[in-house]
Amino acid sequence: MRHSLLSKFQGVLLGSALGDLIGDRYQSQLLGISPQTAELWQIVKLTKHQKLPLNGMMSELKSVNGKVQIGKNSSECGRLAVACAKSLIRCNGLDLKDWRDTWEVFASSEHYQQQIAECQSILHPGEAAVAALPAAMFFHENQAKLREKLMLATEVWQNQNAPEWETGVLAVGYAIARSLKDKLDPATAIVNTITYLGTDNALTELLSQVQMLLEQEADLERAVNHLCKSGTAWQTRQSEGEKKSQTNSIVNPASFIPIAIAFYCFLSTPEDLRLSVVRAARCGAGQLTCALTGALSGAYNGTVAIPVEWRQAPRAGVEWLVPDEGRESSVWGTSSDASIVELANNLFAVWAGVYTPDDGVRSAARFRVVTAPYVIRPHKI
């Protein structure tokens, strides 16, 4: 294994959280809001050749019933991911009663009350994939159990059966699991993911397009435009079909675009987390795409691939954030990036069978020793 499993656990959560943050900074600059600190400016600085706005395409895509918008709450689903991880740690696994209680508390917030009144499905598929990251990490060893647990966890978030909605969670979860087991081959990742999904819908079609673009070595702009057009075309076909069948699906085919772009950005530069996330940000696809890209690359490359200056960005951004907009200088609702790392440590400890994860991780850190194999040996009395 190239990187330790603990480093990969940390990489998933920290990569996703910081990807969300970097995506937010880029989006703000695309809107003409410049950061006020030198640290943030070095991270988010764009030239005219590095901006690839999609003419509002990503922000205007809505579900067929016009109620569910795309990727506007990636930070909120990050908070839900933190809540999911804490539930897994607290219950030593997936306890559906505790998870339902956790979701009810989360969904009762003022922000989500409005969404509950407006639509049946709370989360966009990409947001659900981010929120389910801890579950994917915890059950990564067995493919069958991974599917079962992800479906049980996500059923809490919706009031109806929507298999096409669940494929987004499964696709990202499967890729994360393969990376954690060090079995993800970038060349075959898409094919294996489609096989695992075992269905034919908008997401599998978009993933097939991603594979084609990767084989053609398509540049970022061409890839993003192609995927957006493919998603829009699938949406049009679905809308025409629904008029004939008089059905009303809550799942917008174009809502899978952030997941598809995240796979493209990761697999086109699999060894470079920084480049993958920055490319996702530059295409104008928003925070959600960056969060998904950070999670995929973090699982593959571990925390060693996360730039140090990105981990300093939340602290540097304290003065830049505008209180009137209700934005907080935090990472997914936690105090700092260190809190995300500690959360990943505790989740890893519970997965490994530590009885008291809080004490176990701290004590292990104090007595951690690294040795060369077959060179330094235990002292024998």
Protein backbone atom coordinates (compact mmCIF):
# COMPACT_ATOMS: atom_id res chain seq x y z
CA MET A 1 0.00 0.00 0.00
CA ARG A 2 1.43 3.37 -1.06
CA HIS A 3 -0.10 5.23 1.88
CA SER A 4 -1.34 4.08 5.27
CA LEU A 5 -5.04 3.45 5.67
CA LEU A 6 -5.19 6.09 8.40
CA SER A 7 -3.71 8.65 6.00
CA LYS A 8 -6.36 7.70 3.44
CA PHE A 9 -9.16 8.06 6.00
CA GLN A 10 -7.86 11.52 6.81
CA GLY A 11 -7.43 12.29 3.12
CA VAL A 12 -11.09 11.56 2.31
CA LEU A 13 -12.61 13.89 4.89
CA LEU A 14 -9.94 16.59 4.83
CA GLY A 15 -9.65 16.54 1.04
CA SER A 16 -13.41 16.91 0.68
CA ALA A 17 -13.73 19.63 3.33
CA LEU A 18 -10.85 21.72 1.98
CA GLY A 19 -12.00 21.10 -1.58
CA ASP A 20 -15.34 22.57 -0.57
CA LEU A 21 -13.56 25.58 0.91
CA ILE A 22 -11.33 26.13 -2.14
CA GLY A 23 -14.33 25.79 -4.44
CA ASP A 24 -16.14 28.46 -2.45
CA ARG A 25 -13.17 30.82 -2.74
CA TYR A 26 -12.94 30.31 -6.49
CA GLN A 27 -16.65 30.85 -6.96
CA SER A 28 -16.42 34.09 -4.99
CA GLN A 29 -13.60 35.33 -7.20
CA LEU A 30 -15.52 34.42 -10.34
CA LEU A 31 -18.24 36.68 -8.97
CA GLY A 32 -15.70 39.46 -8.53
CA ILE A 33 -15.13 39.12 -4.77
CA SER A 34 -11.40 39.14 -4.04
CA PRO A 35 -10.00 37.73 -0.78
CA GLN A 36 -8.48 40.26 1.55
CA THR A 37 -5.54 38.18 2.77
CA ALA A 38 -2.31 37.27 0.99
CA GLU A 39 -2.65 33.59 1.95
CA LEU A 40 -6.03 33.22 0.29
CA TRP A 41 -5.01 35.27 -2.73
CA GLN A 42 -2.16 32.89 -3.57
CA ILE A 43 -4.59 29.97 -3.47
CA VAL A 44 -7.48 31.38 -5.43
CA LYS A 45 -5.70 33.73 -7.85
CA LEU A 46 -6.99 33.23 -11.39
CA THR A 47 -5.83 34.56 -14.69
CA LYS A 48 -8.16 35.23 -17.59
CA HIS A 49 -6.91 32.00 -19.18
CA GLN A 50 -7.78 29.97 -16.07
CA LYS A 51 -11.44 30.92 -15.80
CA LEU A 52 -13.88 28.56 -17.45
CA PRO A 53 -17.33 29.83 -16.50
CA LEU A 54 -20.17 27.75 -17.87
CA ASN A 55 -22.48 30.68 -18.67
CA GLY A 56 -24.67 29.84 -15.72
CA MET A 57 -25.34 26.32 -16.97
CA MET A 58 -24.49 24.60 -13.70
CA SER A 59 -26.42 27.01 -11.50
CA GLU A 60 -29.51 26.97 -13.69
CA LEU A 61 -29.92 23.22 -13.93
CA LYS A 62 -32.94 22.13 -11.91
CA SER A 63 -34.91 18.97 -11.42
CA VAL A 64 -37.75 18.09 -13.71
CA ASN A 65 -40.28 19.40 -11.24
CA GLY A 66 -38.29 22.62 -10.94
CA LYS A 67 -37.83 22.34 -7.19
CA VAL A 68 -34.45 20.78 -6.49
CA GLN A 69 -31.46 22.94 -7.36
CA ILE A 70 -27.94 21.73 -7.87
CA GLY A 71 -25.08 21.87 -5.42
CA LYS A 72 -25.92 24.97 -3.42
CA ASN A 73 -25.45 23.34 -0.02
CA SER A 74 -22.16 21.45 -0.23
CA SER A 75 -21.04 22.99 3.06
CA GLU A 76 -24.32 21.89 4.64
CA CYS A 77 -23.89 18.33 3.41
CA GLY A 78 -20.36 18.51 4.82
CA ARG A 79 -21.88 19.26 8.20
CA LEU A 80 -24.11 16.23 7.70
CA ALA A 81 -21.02 14.15 6.89
CA VAL A 82 -19.51 15.24 10.21
CA ALA A 83 -22.75 14.26 11.97
CA CYS A 84 -22.70 10.88 10.19
CA ALA A 85 -19.11 10.24 11.28
CA LYS A 86 -19.93 11.13 14.89
CA SER A 87 -22.91 8.76 14.83
CA LEU A 88 -20.73 5.90 13.54
CA ILE A 89 -18.16 6.62 16.24
CA ARG A 90 -20.75 6.95 18.99
CA CYS A 91 -22.53 3.70 18.09
CA ASN A 92 -19.51 1.69 16.87
CA GLY A 93 -21.21 1.33 13.50
CA LEU A 94 -24.43 2.22 11.73
CA ASP A 95 -27.25 2.42 14.26
CA LEU A 96 -30.37 3.34 12.31
CA LYS A 97 -32.22 4.74 15.31
CA ASP A 98 -29.34 7.02 16.26
CA TRP A 99 -28.85 7.99 12.62
CA ARG A 100 -32.53 8.86 12.19
CA ASP A 101 -32.40 10.95 15.36
CA THR A 102 -29.26 12.68 14.08
CA TRP A 103 -30.91 13.43 10.74
CA GLU A 104 -34.08 14.75 12.37
CA VAL A 105 -32.06 17.18 14.47
CA PHE A 106 -30.10 18.27 11.41
CA ALA A 107 -33.17 18.60 9.20
CA SER A 108 -35.02 20.64 11.81
CA SER A 109 -32.65 23.55 11.27
CA GLU A 110 -34.19 26.70 9.81
CA HIS A 111 -32.30 26.30 6.52
CA TYR A 112 -33.64 22.80 5.86
CA GLN A 113 -37.17 23.47 7.04
CA GLN A 114 -37.73 25.60 3.95
CA GLN A 115 -36.43 22.86 1.66
CA ILE A 116 -38.59 20.22 3.35
CA ALA A 117 -41.67 22.36 2.66
CA GLU A 118 -40.71 22.85 -0.98
CA CYS A 119 -39.66 19.39 -2.13
CA GLN A 120 -39.65 15.74 -1.16
CA SER A 121 -35.96 15.03 -1.53
CA ILE A 122 -33.67 17.04 0.74
CA LEU A 123 -30.33 16.30 -0.83
CA HIS A 124 -28.97 16.58 -4.34
CA PRO A 125 -27.31 13.23 -5.35
CA GLY A 126 -23.81 14.74 -5.18
CA GLU A 127 -24.54 16.25 -1.78
CA ALA A 128 -25.79 12.88 -0.56
CA ALA A 129 -22.54 11.31 -1.80
CA VAL A 130 -20.52 13.79 0.29
CA ALA A 131 -22.72 13.25 3.35
CA ALA A 132 -22.31 9.47 3.01
CA LEU A 133 -18.50 9.56 2.85
CA PRO A 134 -17.99 8.37 6.47
CA ALA A 135 -20.28 5.38 5.87
CA ALA A 136 -18.38 4.50 2.69
CA MET A 137 -15.11 4.68 4.62
CA PHE A 138 -16.39 2.60 7.54
CA PHE A 139 -17.76 -0.24 5.37
CA HIS A 140 -15.16 -0.15 2.60
CA GLU A 141 -13.89 -3.72 3.07
CA ASN A 142 -16.85 -5.64 1.64
CA GLN A 143 -18.63 -4.57 -1.56
CA ALA A 144 -21.92 -6.21 -0.63
CA LYS A 145 -21.97 -4.71 2.85
CA LEU A 146 -20.92 -1.35 1.42
CA ARG A 147 -23.98 -1.30 -0.83
CA GLU A 148 -26.28 -2.48 1.96
CA LYS A 149 -25.10 0.07 4.52
CA LEU A 150 -25.05 2.99 2.11
CA MET A 151 -28.62 2.23 1.09
CA LEU A 152 -29.75 1.97 4.71
CA ALA A 153 -28.03 5.26 5.58
CA THR A 154 -29.42 7.17 2.62
CA GLU A 155 -32.97 5.87 2.98
CA VAL A 156 -33.24 8.13 6.02
CA TRP A 157 -32.86 11.17 3.74
CA GLN A 158 -35.75 10.52 1.37
CA ASN A 159 -39.43 9.64 1.56
CA GLN A 160 -39.63 7.59 -1.57
CA ASN A 161 -37.73 4.90 -3.46
CA ALA A 162 -35.43 6.51 -6.02
CA PRO A 163 -32.87 3.97 -7.29
CA GLU A 164 -31.43 6.45 -9.80
CA TRP A 165 -30.84 8.90 -6.94
CA GLU A 166 -28.92 6.26 -4.99
CA THR A 167 -26.49 5.50 -7.82
CA GLY A 168 -24.62 8.77 -7.15
CA VAL A 169 -23.94 7.69 -3.56
CA LEU A 170 -22.93 4.20 -4.67
CA ALA A 171 -20.60 5.42 -7.43
CA VAL A 172 -18.60 7.72 -5.16
CA GLY A 173 -18.71 5.26 -2.26
CA TYR A 174 -17.42 2.41 -4.41
CA ALA A 175 -14.54 4.49 -5.79
CA ILE A 176 -13.62 5.58 -2.25
CA ALA A 177 -13.70 1.98 -1.04
CA ARG A 178 -11.48 0.78 -3.91
CA SER A 179 -8.93 3.48 -3.12
CA LEU A 180 -8.93 2.67 0.59
CA LYS A 181 -8.15 -0.96 -0.29
CA ASP A 182 -5.47 0.28 -2.69
CA LYS A 183 -7.23 -1.49 -5.57
CA LEU A 184 -8.32 1.49 -7.65
CA ASP A 185 -6.67 1.55 -11.07
CA PRO A 186 -7.33 4.93 -12.75
CA ALA A 187 -7.40 3.24 -16.16
CA THR A 188 -10.26 0.90 -15.20
CA ALA A 189 -11.97 2.87 -12.40
CA ILE A 190 -14.90 4.01 -14.55
CA VAL A 191 -15.56 0.57 -16.06
CA ASN A 192 -15.45 -1.09 -12.64
CA THR A 193 -17.74 1.56 -11.13
CA ILE A 194 -20.35 1.14 -13.89
CA THR A 195 -20.20 -2.64 -13.42
CA TYR A 196 -20.72 -2.23 -9.67
CA LEU A 197 -23.73 0.04 -10.20
CA GLY A 198 -25.31 -2.59 -12.41
CA THR A 199 -27.86 -0.28 -13.98
CA ASP A 200 -28.34 1.99 -16.97
CA ASN A 201 -29.27 5.58 -16.18
CA ALA A 202 -28.04 9.15 -16.62
CA LEU A 203 -25.06 8.70 -14.28
CA THR A 204 -23.74 5.57 -16.01
CA GLU A 205 -24.13 7.34 -19.35
CA LEU A 206 -22.17 10.34 -18.08
CA LEU A 207 -19.49 8.09 -16.59
CA SER A 208 -19.17 6.36 -19.96
CA GLN A 209 -18.65 9.80 -21.49
CA VAL A 210 -15.96 10.50 -18.88
CA GLN A 211 -14.15 7.31 -19.90
CA MET A 212 -14.29 8.36 -23.54
CA LEU A 213 -12.95 11.84 -22.72
CA LEU A 214 -10.11 10.37 -20.68
CA GLU A 215 -9.13 8.04 -23.51
CA GLN A 216 -9.16 10.97 -25.93
CA GLU A 217 -7.13 13.08 -23.43
CA ALA A 218 -9.70 15.85 -23.77
CA ASP A 219 -8.83 19.15 -22.13
CA LEU A 220 -10.84 20.52 -19.22
CA GLU A 221 -13.00 22.96 -21.15
CA ARG A 222 -14.01 20.42 -23.78
CA ALA A 223 -14.72 17.77 -21.14
CA VAL A 224 -16.92 20.02 -18.99
CA ASN A 225 -18.90 21.38 -21.93
CA HIS A 226 -19.40 17.87 -23.33
CA LEU A 227 -20.63 16.50 -19.99
CA CYS A 228 -22.99 19.44 -19.46
CA LYS A 229 -24.48 19.02 -22.93
CA SER A 230 -24.86 15.26 -22.39
CA GLY A 231 -26.63 15.83 -19.07
CA THR A 232 -28.94 18.42 -20.57
CA ALA A 233 -29.76 16.15 -23.53
CA TRP A 234 -30.60 13.27 -21.17
CA GLN A 235 -32.82 15.64 -19.16
CA THR A 236 -34.71 16.63 -22.31
CA ARG A 237 -35.27 13.00 -23.26
CA GLN A 238 -36.50 12.20 -19.76
CA SER A 239 -38.86 15.19 -19.73
CA GLU A 240 -40.39 14.12 -23.04
CA GLY A 241 -40.78 10.58 -21.74
CA GLU A 242 -42.46 11.78 -18.56
CA LYS A 243 -45.02 13.80 -20.53
CA LYS A 244 -46.05 10.58 -22.22
CA SER A 245 -46.05 8.49 -19.03
CA GLN A 246 -47.46 11.24 -16.77
CA THR A 247 -44.81 10.61 -14.11
CA ASN A 248 -42.84 13.15 -12.12
CA SER A 249 -39.33 12.21 -11.01
CA ILE A 250 -37.50 14.30 -8.43
CA VAL A 251 -34.14 13.31 -9.90
CA ASN A 252 -32.75 15.58 -12.55
CA PRO A 253 -30.37 13.72 -14.89
CA ALA A 254 -28.21 16.85 -15.08
CA SER A 255 -27.78 16.74 -11.29
CA PHE A 256 -25.25 13.93 -11.82
CA ILE A 257 -22.95 16.32 -13.71
CA PRO A 258 -20.93 17.37 -10.59
CA ILE A 259 -20.19 13.72 -9.89
CA ALA A 260 -19.13 13.09 -13.48
CA ILE A 261 -16.89 16.18 -13.56
CA ALA A 262 -15.35 15.16 -10.22
CA PHE A 263 -14.47 11.73 -11.65
CA TYR A 264 -12.97 13.38 -14.72
CA CYS A 265 -10.88 15.88 -12.72
CA PHE A 266 -9.59 13.14 -10.43
CA LEU A 267 -8.87 10.48 -13.04
CA SER A 268 -7.25 12.91 -15.50
CA THR A 269 -4.63 13.81 -12.84
CA PRO A 270 -4.89 11.00 -10.27
CA GLU A 271 -1.53 11.58 -8.59
CA ASP A 272 -1.98 15.31 -7.99
CA LEU A 273 -4.72 16.31 -5.54
CA ARG A 274 -3.92 20.00 -5.80
CA LEU A 275 -4.24 20.04 -9.57
CA SER A 276 -7.40 17.91 -9.55
CA VAL A 277 -9.24 20.20 -7.12
CA VAL A 278 -8.02 23.42 -8.73
CA ARG A 279 -9.16 22.22 -12.16
CA ALA A 280 -12.56 21.36 -10.70
CA ALA A 281 -12.76 24.87 -9.27
CA ARG A 282 -11.65 26.57 -12.49
CA CYS A 283 -14.35 24.92 -14.57
CA GLY A 284 -16.94 26.91 -12.64
CA ALA A 285 -18.78 23.79 -11.44
CA GLY A 286 -19.00 24.93 -7.82
CA GLN A 287 -18.13 23.79 -4.33
CA LEU A 288 -19.83 20.42 -4.62
CA THR A 289 -17.64 19.28 -7.52
CA CYS A 290 -14.51 20.38 -5.65
CA ALA A 291 -15.64 18.55 -2.50
CA LEU A 292 -16.23 15.33 -4.43
CA THR A 293 -12.92 15.67 -6.28
CA GLY A 294 -11.08 16.26 -3.01
CA ALA A 295 -12.64 13.16 -1.48
CA LEU A 296 -11.78 10.92 -4.46
CA SER A 297 -8.21 12.18 -4.68
CA GLY A 298 -7.77 12.22 -0.90
CA ALA A 299 -8.72 8.55 -0.68
CA TYR A 300 -6.22 7.72 -3.43
CA ASN A 301 -3.30 9.91 -2.31
CA GLY A 302 -3.77 10.35 1.45
CA THR A 303 -3.14 13.51 3.46
CA VAL A 304 0.41 13.85 2.14
CA ALA A 305 -1.04 15.23 -1.10
CA ILE A 306 -2.99 18.04 0.58
CA PRO A 307 -1.08 21.36 0.32
CA VAL A 308 -0.10 22.90 3.65
CA GLU A 309 -1.35 26.32 2.58
CA TRP A 310 -4.83 24.88 2.00
CA ARG A 311 -4.95 23.75 5.62
CA GLN A 312 -4.05 27.30 6.64
CA ALA A 313 -6.78 28.79 4.43
CA PRO A 314 -9.62 28.55 6.99
CA ARG A 315 -7.58 30.60 9.46
CA ALA A 316 -6.53 33.06 6.77
CA GLY A 317 -10.14 33.48 5.70
CA VAL A 318 -11.46 34.66 9.06
CA GLU A 319 -11.22 38.34 8.15
CA TRP A 320 -12.45 37.75 4.61
CA LEU A 321 -15.71 36.09 5.49
CA VAL A 322 -18.71 38.41 5.67
CA PRO A 323 -20.78 38.00 8.87
CA ASP A 324 -23.86 39.53 7.22
CA GLU A 325 -24.01 36.63 4.81
CA GLY A 326 -24.15 34.14 7.67
CA ARG A 327 -20.88 32.50 6.67
CA GLU A 328 -18.58 31.04 9.27
CA SER A 329 -14.83 30.75 9.43
CA SER A 330 -14.99 27.00 9.95
CA VAL A 331 -14.50 23.77 8.07
CA TRP A 332 -17.80 21.92 7.77
CA GLY A 333 -19.01 23.49 11.00
CA THR A 334 -15.93 22.41 12.97
CA SER A 335 -13.38 24.71 14.57
CA SER A 336 -10.52 23.93 12.17
CA ASP A 337 -8.98 21.42 9.80
CA ALA A 338 -7.44 19.72 12.84
CA SER A 339 -10.95 18.84 14.01
CA ILE A 340 -11.61 17.06 10.70
CA VAL A 341 -8.36 15.12 11.07
CA GLU A 342 -9.27 14.13 14.64
CA LEU A 343 -12.70 13.02 13.44
CA ALA A 344 -11.06 10.83 10.78
CA ASN A 345 -8.67 9.43 13.40
CA ASN A 346 -11.54 8.49 15.71
CA LEU A 347 -13.54 6.96 12.85
CA PHE A 348 -10.50 4.89 11.88
CA ALA A 349 -10.00 3.80 15.49
CA VAL A 350 -13.60 2.58 15.81
CA TRP A 351 -13.31 0.79 12.47
CA ALA A 352 -10.12 -0.88 13.72
CA GLY A 353 -11.87 -2.06 16.90
CA VAL A 354 -10.47 0.37 19.47
CA TYR A 355 -12.77 0.35 22.50
CA THR A 356 -12.20 4.00 23.47
CA PRO A 357 -11.22 5.75 20.23
CA ASP A 358 -10.56 9.16 21.81
CA ASP A 359 -7.98 7.80 24.24
CA GLY A 360 -6.67 5.23 21.79
CA VAL A 361 -5.70 7.66 19.07
CA ARG A 362 -4.04 10.08 21.46
CA SER A 363 -2.05 7.39 23.25
CA ALA A 364 -1.04 5.78 19.95
CA ALA A 365 0.22 9.15 18.72
CA ARG A 366 2.39 9.57 21.82
CA PHE A 367 4.08 6.20 21.39
CA ARG A 368 4.19 5.96 17.63
CA VAL A 369 7.45 4.54 16.26
CA VAL A 370 8.48 4.08 12.62
CA THR A 371 11.16 1.53 11.82
CA ALA A 372 12.74 0.04 8.74
CA PRO A 373 11.49 -3.52 8.14
CA TYR A 374 13.90 -6.32 9.16
CA VAL A 375 16.49 -3.76 10.25
CA ILE A 376 15.39 -2.54 13.69
CA ARG A 377 14.03 -5.43 15.73
CA PRO A 378 12.26 -5.63 19.10
CA HIS A 379 14.59 -5.86 22.09
CA LYS A 380 14.63 -9.34 23.58
CA ILE A 381 15.28 -9.88 27.28
